[in-house]
């Protein structure tokens, strides 16, 4: 078994892993790097473009795992694209929206390479996409003529609990097995239940390490964190301020909307309109429509019925009145420029009545990260278009991550009992923590932090 890390950088970036097993080749994920633009954001696909690829397996539909898929397919037109059936309902919407975003960035920021693919190209490759139920064994190399003369390796999707359709991938060869976690959440969220990775055993484990640099207090509970968020919203509305919760359109938006719906149902918040982005509304409708297929809590909770959802029109975030108490759950978790979340934050942060509440990760180098690091009453650099701003509003960070805590992942290594662990999808200090802890707890396990493009024997 040979594995190549195709992430172009050594942090959380364009997730993509190339696997050679039993004479066949599988690409697991094909994302884009959130901090890079143009072709630099893509996985290192040129390293493998001349090698025949049997299949591509997508773990979930966040851009850092799927945003480069059309380019990967362009290099390997015979490869079938496999994903869960829930991801199948999402993937084309995600990628078509990506084209729209790239076109806008090409105009606004003069990114020469954008768009990396077109709507027409997406329509052309869509017939290659295939959706499968969880826990079904798939002969992924059987789609192509066998070069080894033997049977095909198989793969199986396991519910990862991270976002709708997310999966870990178990690959079985003749003599060896590999498990790739993708992004995983072991604890229950508000809608989705935690990962179902029970009884997974593998010789090789590729594991995300997102929260390896973040310890969780023994007294922490997600329920208490949600209560803190709802109370912070109540206090903001009481002083006639508005609330901005920047979120990612797929996953975070629906989890926060569910928390608001349950709080309103319980009388903890008054019923009032919730302002969201158009893409967030699209994915919310899919969450509602596919509730019967997902492993979830509150299976009868239909968000579009429980809440008065109002989609912000283009430019409305720059002009609408903010006094009197409004709630915004707006796409762009990192407050990227030229988004409603960015524009609302720029307007709100100077007024002490308002509250901006983060419920997930914001890279330190993004506008959201700059705002997180700001201090009340002190000027700070928000973004090139926003310039220097001063924050007077309340700003709080709530730990409602959809990623597994590091202790849970460390325990999972012991459950899988691999002879080799490859660490990815994390910053250097996060990966370093796992490397040190695995070595201490399981000294016989080989731990590898593969550099970008490096081919390793596992």
Protein backbone atom coordinates (compact mmCIF):
# COMPACT_ATOMS: atom_id res chain seq x y z
CA UNK A 1 0.00 0.00 0.00
CA UNK A 2 1.34 3.41 -0.99
CA UNK A 3 -0.18 6.77 -0.08
CA UNK A 4 0.52 10.29 -1.31
CA UNK A 5 -0.64 13.43 0.49
CA UNK A 6 -1.77 15.84 -2.24
CA UNK A 7 -2.54 18.79 0.04
CA UNK A 8 -0.35 21.60 -1.34
CA UNK A 9 0.42 22.89 2.16
CA UNK A 10 1.12 21.43 5.60
CA UNK A 11 -2.00 22.81 7.29
CA UNK A 12 -5.76 22.51 6.94
CA UNK A 13 -5.98 22.94 3.18
CA UNK A 14 -6.97 21.12 0.03
CA UNK A 15 -7.68 17.65 1.37
CA UNK A 16 -6.71 14.95 -1.12
CA UNK A 17 -5.10 11.53 -0.59
CA UNK A 18 -3.85 9.24 -3.38
CA UNK A 19 -3.96 5.53 -2.59
CA UNK A 20 -2.29 2.68 -4.46
CA UNK A 21 -3.52 -0.76 -3.38
CA UNK A 22 -3.50 -4.11 -5.20
CA UNK A 23 -2.45 -2.42 -8.45
CA UNK A 24 -5.36 0.02 -8.37
CA UNK A 25 -5.59 3.73 -7.64
CA UNK A 26 -8.11 5.65 -5.55
CA UNK A 27 -8.27 9.40 -4.89
CA UNK A 28 -9.91 10.25 -1.57
CA UNK A 29 -11.23 13.83 -1.63
CA UNK A 30 -10.26 16.68 -3.93
CA UNK A 31 -10.64 19.96 -2.05
CA UNK A 32 -9.41 23.50 -2.47
CA UNK A 33 -7.23 25.38 0.00
CA UNK A 34 -9.31 28.09 1.76
CA UNK A 35 -6.39 30.53 2.06
CA UNK A 36 -5.02 30.22 -1.49
CA UNK A 37 -6.39 31.48 -4.79
CA UNK A 38 -6.44 30.18 -8.34
CA UNK A 39 -4.54 27.05 -9.28
CA UNK A 40 -2.42 27.36 -6.14
CA UNK A 41 -5.50 26.37 -4.12
CA UNK A 42 -5.79 22.98 -5.82
CA UNK A 43 -4.33 19.67 -4.65
CA UNK A 44 -1.05 18.56 -6.22
CA UNK A 45 -2.90 16.78 -9.01
CA UNK A 46 -0.07 17.20 -11.52
CA UNK A 47 1.93 14.61 -9.55
CA UNK A 48 -0.58 11.91 -10.47
CA UNK A 49 -2.21 13.17 -13.67
CA UNK A 50 -0.38 10.61 -15.84
CA UNK A 51 -1.38 7.66 -13.65
CA UNK A 52 -4.63 5.86 -14.42
CA UNK A 53 -7.21 6.42 -11.69
CA UNK A 54 -9.99 3.94 -11.00
CA UNK A 55 -12.23 6.01 -8.74
CA UNK A 56 -12.59 9.12 -6.60
CA UNK A 57 -14.24 8.87 -3.17
CA UNK A 58 -15.58 12.07 -1.59
CA UNK A 59 -16.00 12.15 2.19
CA UNK A 60 -18.29 15.22 2.31
CA UNK A 61 -19.26 18.39 0.49
CA UNK A 62 -17.27 21.10 2.24
CA UNK A 63 -15.07 23.00 -0.20
CA UNK A 64 -11.79 21.94 1.37
CA UNK A 65 -12.74 18.35 0.52
CA UNK A 66 -14.70 18.67 -2.73
CA UNK A 67 -14.00 22.08 -4.28
CA UNK A 68 -11.32 20.78 -6.68
CA UNK A 69 -13.29 17.71 -7.81
CA UNK A 70 -14.05 18.91 -11.36
CA UNK A 71 -10.33 19.53 -11.99
CA UNK A 72 -9.48 16.04 -10.72
CA UNK A 73 -12.10 14.56 -13.03
CA UNK A 74 -10.66 16.59 -15.93
CA UNK A 75 -7.36 14.74 -15.44
CA UNK A 76 -9.08 11.34 -15.06
CA UNK A 77 -12.21 11.23 -17.19
CA UNK A 78 -12.72 7.48 -16.76
CA UNK A 79 -12.77 7.59 -12.98
CA UNK A 80 -16.17 7.21 -11.34
CA UNK A 81 -16.93 9.54 -8.44
CA UNK A 82 -18.31 7.83 -5.35
CA UNK A 83 -19.95 9.47 -2.34
CA UNK A 84 -22.80 8.91 0.10
CA UNK A 85 -26.32 9.32 -1.21
CA UNK A 86 -26.76 12.38 1.02
CA UNK A 87 -23.65 14.01 -0.45
CA UNK A 88 -25.02 13.16 -3.89
CA UNK A 89 -27.98 15.47 -3.21
CA UNK A 90 -25.59 18.29 -2.27
CA UNK A 91 -22.52 18.09 -4.46
CA UNK A 92 -23.76 19.74 -7.65
CA UNK A 93 -25.25 22.68 -5.73
CA UNK A 94 -21.99 23.15 -3.84
CA UNK A 95 -19.87 23.11 -6.98
CA UNK A 96 -22.17 25.34 -9.06
CA UNK A 97 -22.10 27.87 -6.24
CA UNK A 98 -18.31 27.62 -6.26
CA UNK A 99 -18.32 28.65 -9.93
CA UNK A 100 -20.40 31.72 -9.07
CA UNK A 101 -18.03 32.66 -6.24
CA UNK A 102 -14.96 32.22 -8.45
CA UNK A 103 -16.49 34.38 -11.18
CA UNK A 104 -17.16 37.13 -8.65
CA UNK A 105 -13.63 36.87 -7.27
CA UNK A 106 -12.21 37.07 -10.78
CA UNK A 107 -14.01 40.39 -11.23
CA UNK A 108 -13.39 41.83 -7.77
CA UNK A 109 -9.86 40.58 -7.05
CA UNK A 110 -8.54 39.93 -10.58
CA UNK A 111 -7.69 36.25 -9.96
CA UNK A 112 -6.53 35.24 -13.43
CA UNK A 113 -7.16 31.49 -13.04
CA UNK A 114 -10.80 31.84 -11.98
CA UNK A 115 -13.11 30.14 -12.58
CA UNK A 116 -11.19 26.86 -12.32
CA UNK A 117 -14.17 25.13 -13.96
CA UNK A 118 -17.49 26.16 -15.47
CA UNK A 119 -21.17 25.39 -15.05
CA UNK A 120 -21.09 23.60 -18.40
CA UNK A 121 -18.21 21.38 -17.31
CA UNK A 122 -20.07 20.47 -14.13
CA UNK A 123 -23.15 19.48 -16.11
CA UNK A 124 -20.95 17.33 -18.33
CA UNK A 125 -19.29 15.38 -15.52
CA UNK A 126 -22.36 15.04 -13.26
CA UNK A 127 -23.29 11.59 -14.73
CA UNK A 128 -20.05 10.25 -13.22
CA UNK A 129 -21.31 10.97 -9.69
CA UNK A 130 -22.76 8.02 -7.80
CA UNK A 131 -24.35 8.02 -4.35
CA UNK A 132 -24.34 5.04 -1.98
CA UNK A 133 -25.90 4.23 1.36
CA UNK A 134 -23.70 4.01 4.43
CA UNK A 135 -22.26 0.58 5.26
CA UNK A 136 -22.47 -0.86 1.77
CA UNK A 137 -19.34 -2.49 0.36
CA UNK A 138 -18.50 -1.17 -3.11
CA UNK A 139 -16.07 -2.73 -5.61
CA UNK A 140 -14.59 0.57 -6.72
CA UNK A 141 -12.00 -0.78 -9.18
CA UNK A 142 -14.57 -2.96 -10.92
CA UNK A 143 -15.66 0.10 -12.90
CA UNK A 144 -12.45 -0.18 -14.92
CA UNK A 145 -10.84 -3.16 -16.59
CA UNK A 146 -8.79 -4.96 -13.94
CA UNK A 147 -5.07 -4.62 -14.51
CA UNK A 148 -4.12 -7.03 -11.77
CA UNK A 149 -6.23 -9.94 -12.99
CA UNK A 150 -7.82 -10.31 -9.55
CA UNK A 151 -10.83 -9.03 -7.70
CA UNK A 152 -11.41 -5.36 -7.02
CA UNK A 153 -10.60 -3.73 -3.69
CA UNK A 154 -13.70 -2.44 -1.93
CA UNK A 155 -14.67 0.64 0.02
CA UNK A 156 -17.39 1.31 2.54
CA UNK A 157 -18.74 4.64 3.79
CA UNK A 158 -19.26 5.07 7.55
CA UNK A 159 -21.35 7.93 8.97
CA UNK A 160 -18.90 10.59 10.26
CA UNK A 161 -21.47 12.81 12.03
CA UNK A 162 -19.73 16.00 10.79
CA UNK A 163 -22.25 17.39 8.29
CA UNK A 164 -25.06 15.96 6.20
CA UNK A 165 -23.64 13.09 4.15
CA UNK A 166 -20.17 13.12 5.75
CA UNK A 167 -18.32 9.82 5.85
CA UNK A 168 -15.21 7.98 6.82
CA UNK A 169 -13.94 5.55 4.17
CA UNK A 170 -12.84 1.98 4.84
CA UNK A 171 -10.80 0.49 1.97
CA UNK A 172 -10.28 -3.28 1.92
CA UNK A 173 -7.58 -4.87 -0.25
CA UNK A 174 -6.45 -8.46 -0.58
CA UNK A 175 -4.18 -8.33 2.44
CA UNK A 176 -4.46 -4.83 3.94
CA UNK A 177 -7.11 -2.37 5.02
CA UNK A 178 -7.12 1.43 5.34
CA UNK A 179 -9.52 3.77 7.11
CA UNK A 180 -9.71 7.48 6.29
CA UNK A 181 -11.66 9.50 8.85
CA UNK A 182 -12.35 12.55 6.70
CA UNK A 183 -13.74 15.18 9.07
CA UNK A 184 -15.41 13.43 11.99
CA UNK A 185 -17.56 14.41 14.98
CA UNK A 186 -18.02 11.76 17.67
CA UNK A 187 -20.40 13.77 19.85
CA UNK A 188 -24.02 14.53 19.04
CA UNK A 189 -24.73 17.98 17.64
CA UNK A 190 -28.16 19.64 17.68
CA UNK A 191 -29.39 17.89 14.53
CA UNK A 192 -26.88 15.22 13.61
CA UNK A 193 -25.94 12.37 15.88
CA UNK A 194 -22.28 11.52 16.38
CA UNK A 195 -20.17 9.32 14.11
CA UNK A 196 -20.91 5.65 13.74
CA UNK A 197 -17.38 4.31 13.52
CA UNK A 198 -17.99 1.40 15.88
CA UNK A 199 -15.95 -1.74 15.28
CA UNK A 200 -13.77 -0.13 12.59
CA UNK A 201 -10.44 -1.97 12.36
CA UNK A 202 -7.71 -1.17 9.86
CA UNK A 203 -4.00 -1.70 9.23
CA UNK A 204 -3.52 1.95 8.24
CA UNK A 205 -5.38 4.98 9.57
CA UNK A 206 -5.44 8.41 7.90
CA UNK A 207 -6.76 10.78 10.55
CA UNK A 208 -7.78 14.43 10.74
CA UNK A 209 -6.14 16.43 13.54
CA UNK A 210 -8.06 19.73 13.43
CA UNK A 211 -8.44 20.16 17.19
CA UNK A 212 -5.15 18.64 18.26
CA UNK A 213 -4.01 22.02 19.57
CA UNK A 214 -7.15 22.61 21.62
CA UNK A 215 -7.71 21.02 25.02
CA UNK A 216 -11.26 20.62 26.31
CA UNK A 217 -11.97 21.28 29.98
CA UNK A 218 -13.25 18.25 31.92
CA UNK A 219 -16.34 20.26 32.88
CA UNK A 220 -17.19 21.23 29.28
CA UNK A 221 -20.57 20.26 27.87
CA UNK A 222 -22.08 21.19 24.54
CA UNK A 223 -25.47 21.67 26.16
CA UNK A 224 -24.08 24.29 28.54
CA UNK A 225 -22.32 26.02 25.63
CA UNK A 226 -25.61 26.21 23.74
CA UNK A 227 -27.31 27.64 26.81
CA UNK A 228 -24.59 30.32 26.97
CA UNK A 229 -25.22 31.20 23.31
CA UNK A 230 -28.98 31.47 23.75
CA UNK A 231 -28.53 33.63 26.86
CA UNK A 232 -26.08 35.89 24.99
CA UNK A 233 -28.67 36.32 22.21
CA UNK A 234 -31.37 37.13 24.78
CA UNK A 235 -29.21 39.79 26.43
CA UNK A 236 -28.33 41.38 23.09
CA UNK A 237 -31.95 41.57 21.99
CA UNK A 238 -32.93 42.97 25.40
CA UNK A 239 -30.66 45.99 24.84
CA UNK A 240 -32.20 46.46 21.35
CA UNK A 241 -29.07 45.23 19.60
CA UNK A 242 -28.81 42.84 16.68
CA UNK A 243 -27.04 39.47 16.66
CA UNK A 244 -24.68 38.23 13.92
CA UNK A 245 -23.67 34.56 13.88
CA UNK A 246 -21.31 33.90 10.95
CA UNK A 247 -21.57 30.30 9.81
CA UNK A 248 -20.68 27.95 6.99
CA UNK A 249 -23.64 27.36 4.67
CA UNK A 250 -23.56 23.57 4.96
CA UNK A 251 -23.73 22.13 8.46
CA UNK A 252 -23.09 25.03 10.84
CA UNK A 253 -26.04 27.04 9.53
CA UNK A 254 -28.50 24.18 10.04
CA UNK A 255 -27.16 23.28 13.48
CA UNK A 256 -27.51 26.88 14.70
CA UNK A 257 -30.97 27.24 13.14
CA UNK A 258 -32.04 24.08 14.95
CA UNK A 259 -30.74 25.46 18.25
CA UNK A 260 -32.71 28.68 17.68
CA UNK A 261 -35.85 26.75 16.74
CA UNK A 262 -35.67 24.61 19.89
CA UNK A 263 -35.01 27.70 22.03
CA UNK A 264 -38.07 29.41 20.56
CA UNK A 265 -40.16 26.29 21.06
CA UNK A 266 -39.10 26.22 24.71
CA UNK A 267 -39.86 29.92 25.21
CA UNK A 268 -36.21 30.87 25.75
CA UNK A 269 -36.30 33.17 22.71
CA UNK A 270 -39.23 35.01 21.24
CA UNK A 271 -40.38 34.07 17.75
CA UNK A 272 -38.97 36.50 15.22
CA UNK A 273 -37.54 36.44 11.69
CA UNK A 274 -34.11 34.84 11.20
CA UNK A 275 -32.10 36.38 8.36
CA UNK A 276 -29.98 33.94 6.37
CA UNK A 277 -28.10 33.75 3.07
CA UNK A 278 -29.48 32.19 -0.08
CA UNK A 279 -27.11 29.22 -0.10
CA UNK A 280 -27.79 28.59 3.58
CA UNK A 281 -31.49 28.46 2.74
CA UNK A 282 -30.88 25.93 -0.06
CA UNK A 283 -28.95 23.57 2.21
CA UNK A 284 -31.50 24.03 4.98
CA UNK A 285 -34.22 22.84 2.63
CA UNK A 286 -32.13 19.78 1.75
CA UNK A 287 -31.61 19.05 5.47
CA UNK A 288 -35.40 19.15 5.84
CA UNK A 289 -36.14 17.08 2.74
CA UNK A 290 -33.60 14.38 3.59
CA UNK A 291 -34.32 14.18 7.33
CA UNK A 292 -35.66 10.64 6.91
CA UNK A 293 -32.34 9.46 5.43
CA UNK A 294 -30.03 11.07 8.00
CA UNK A 295 -28.95 9.74 11.39
CA UNK A 296 -30.25 12.66 13.41
CA UNK A 297 -31.89 13.98 16.53
CA UNK A 298 -35.26 15.76 16.31
CA UNK A 299 -36.08 13.89 13.12
CA UNK A 300 -39.44 15.66 12.85
CA UNK A 301 -37.98 19.15 13.20
CA UNK A 302 -38.48 20.93 9.87
CA UNK A 303 -36.46 24.14 10.04
CA UNK A 304 -38.35 25.96 7.29
CA UNK A 305 -41.60 25.36 9.22
CA UNK A 306 -40.28 26.02 12.72
CA UNK A 307 -38.60 29.31 11.80
CA UNK A 308 -39.48 32.41 9.83
CA UNK A 309 -36.45 32.37 7.55
CA UNK A 310 -35.81 35.51 5.51
CA UNK A 311 -33.17 35.44 2.77
CA UNK A 312 -31.11 38.62 2.55
CA UNK A 313 -31.24 40.21 -0.86
CA UNK A 314 -28.09 41.39 -2.59
CA UNK A 315 -26.87 44.62 -0.99
CA UNK A 316 -29.43 44.50 1.81
CA UNK A 317 -26.77 43.88 4.48
CA UNK A 318 -25.26 47.28 3.67
CA UNK A 319 -28.47 49.28 4.03
CA UNK A 320 -31.02 47.64 6.35
CA UNK A 321 -31.68 49.08 9.79
CA UNK A 322 -29.97 47.18 12.60
CA UNK A 323 -31.58 48.82 15.63
CA UNK A 324 -34.43 47.06 17.41
CA UNK A 325 -33.00 43.56 17.51
CA UNK A 326 -32.47 41.30 14.50
CA UNK A 327 -30.88 37.85 14.30
CA UNK A 328 -28.55 37.07 11.37
CA UNK A 329 -27.24 33.55 10.72
CA UNK A 330 -25.14 34.37 7.70
CA UNK A 331 -22.95 32.35 5.37
CA UNK A 332 -19.18 33.05 5.49
CA UNK A 333 -17.91 31.66 8.76
CA UNK A 334 -14.60 33.47 8.31
CA UNK A 335 -16.24 36.72 7.16
CA UNK A 336 -14.56 36.75 3.77
CA UNK A 337 -14.66 40.05 1.93
CA UNK A 338 -17.66 40.85 -0.29
CA UNK A 339 -20.02 38.71 1.81
CA UNK A 340 -23.02 39.77 3.88
CA UNK A 341 -21.30 38.50 7.05
CA UNK A 342 -18.32 40.78 6.38
CA UNK A 343 -20.47 43.81 5.59
CA UNK A 344 -22.77 43.31 8.58
CA UNK A 345 -19.82 42.89 10.94
CA UNK A 346 -18.25 46.11 9.66
CA UNK A 347 -21.49 47.97 10.37
CA UNK A 348 -22.24 46.35 13.74
CA UNK A 349 -18.92 46.26 15.52
CA UNK A 350 -18.84 49.96 16.40
CA UNK A 351 -22.12 49.83 18.35
CA UNK A 352 -21.98 48.39 21.87
CA UNK A 353 -25.60 47.23 21.67
CA UNK A 354 -24.84 44.58 19.05
CA UNK A 355 -23.39 41.10 19.47
CA UNK A 356 -21.20 39.10 17.07
CA UNK A 357 -21.00 35.46 18.14
CA UNK A 358 -18.65 32.90 16.58
CA UNK A 359 -19.67 29.23 16.73
CA UNK A 360 -16.83 27.67 14.76
CA UNK A 361 -13.28 28.05 13.51
CA UNK A 362 -12.07 31.26 11.88
CA UNK A 363 -8.55 31.25 10.48
CA UNK A 364 -6.41 33.92 12.21
CA UNK A 365 -5.50 35.45 8.84
CA UNK A 366 -9.12 36.04 7.75
CA UNK A 367 -11.37 39.01 8.64
CA UNK A 368 -13.17 36.75 11.09
CA UNK A 369 -9.88 35.80 12.70
CA UNK A 370 -8.87 39.47 12.93
CA UNK A 371 -12.17 40.27 14.64
CA UNK A 372 -11.78 37.37 17.08
CA UNK A 373 -8.37 38.73 18.12
CA UNK A 374 -9.60 42.32 18.51
CA UNK A 375 -9.99 44.19 21.81
CA UNK A 376 -12.84 46.48 22.79
CA UNK A 377 -12.13 50.14 22.00
CA UNK A 378 -8.87 49.49 20.16
CA UNK A 379 -8.47 49.92 16.38
CA UNK A 380 -7.54 46.79 14.43
CA UNK A 381 -7.15 45.80 10.79
CA UNK A 382 -10.32 44.05 9.67
CA UNK A 383 -9.82 43.53 5.93
CA UNK A 384 -8.42 45.33 2.87
CA UNK A 385 -11.86 46.68 1.99
CA UNK A 386 -12.93 47.31 5.59
CA UNK A 387 -9.63 48.84 6.67
CA UNK A 388 -8.99 49.86 10.29
CA UNK A 389 -12.04 49.51 12.52
CA UNK A 390 -12.73 49.75 16.24
CA UNK A 391 -14.83 47.16 18.01
CA UNK A 392 -17.24 48.33 20.68
CA UNK A 393 -19.82 45.56 20.28
CA UNK A 394 -19.89 42.37 22.30
CA UNK A 395 -17.89 39.60 20.63
CA UNK A 396 -17.90 36.05 21.97
CA UNK A 397 -16.67 32.65 20.82
CA UNK A 398 -18.71 29.51 21.53
CA UNK A 399 -17.21 26.03 21.21
CA UNK A 400 -19.81 24.30 19.03
CA UNK A 401 -17.37 22.57 16.72
CA UNK A 402 -18.40 19.82 14.32
CA UNK A 403 -14.95 18.23 14.69
CA UNK A 404 -14.02 15.54 17.20
CA UNK A 405 -12.15 16.61 20.31
CA UNK A 406 -8.56 15.44 20.42
CA UNK A 407 -9.14 13.01 23.29
CA UNK A 408 -11.89 11.28 21.32
CA UNK A 409 -9.64 10.87 18.29
CA UNK A 410 -6.79 9.59 20.43
CA UNK A 411 -9.11 6.95 21.90
CA UNK A 412 -10.23 6.08 18.37
CA UNK A 413 -6.65 5.25 17.37
CA UNK A 414 -6.63 2.57 20.06
CA UNK A 415 -9.96 1.19 18.86
CA UNK A 416 -8.81 0.92 15.24
CA UNK A 417 -5.48 -0.61 16.31
CA UNK A 418 -3.52 0.20 13.13
CA UNK A 419 0.18 -0.47 12.60
CA UNK A 420 0.53 2.95 10.89
CA UNK A 421 -1.19 6.31 11.39
CA UNK A 422 -0.91 9.16 8.90
CA UNK A 423 -1.75 12.59 10.33
CA UNK A 424 -3.34 15.29 8.20
CA UNK A 425 -5.89 18.10 8.11
CA UNK A 426 -4.36 20.02 11.00
CA UNK A 427 -1.80 22.67 11.80
CA UNK A 428 1.75 21.67 12.78
CA UNK A 429 1.14 21.96 16.51
CA UNK A 430 -2.10 19.97 16.24
CA UNK A 431 -0.38 17.16 14.36
CA UNK A 432 2.56 17.34 16.74
CA UNK A 433 0.31 16.80 19.75
CA UNK A 434 -1.15 13.66 18.20
CA UNK A 435 2.25 12.34 17.18
CA UNK A 436 3.54 12.74 20.72
CA UNK A 437 0.46 11.26 22.39
CA UNK A 438 0.16 8.28 20.04
CA UNK A 439 3.85 7.48 20.55
CA UNK A 440 3.39 7.60 24.32
CA UNK A 441 0.22 5.54 24.42
CA UNK A 442 0.90 3.16 21.52
CA UNK A 443 4.69 2.93 21.06
CA UNK A 444 4.41 0.16 18.45
CA UNK A 445 2.31 2.28 16.08
CA UNK A 446 4.26 4.01 13.33
CA UNK A 447 3.24 7.67 13.05
CA UNK A 448 3.79 9.61 9.82
CA UNK A 449 3.21 13.29 9.06
CA UNK A 450 3.52 13.13 5.26
CA UNK A 451 4.84 16.27 3.62
CA UNK A 452 2.94 17.68 0.62
CA UNK A 453 3.39 15.41 -2.38
CA UNK A 454 5.42 12.76 -0.54
CA UNK A 455 4.70 9.14 -1.48
CA UNK A 456 4.97 6.86 1.54
CA UNK A 457 4.89 3.10 2.00
CA UNK A 458 2.35 2.20 4.67
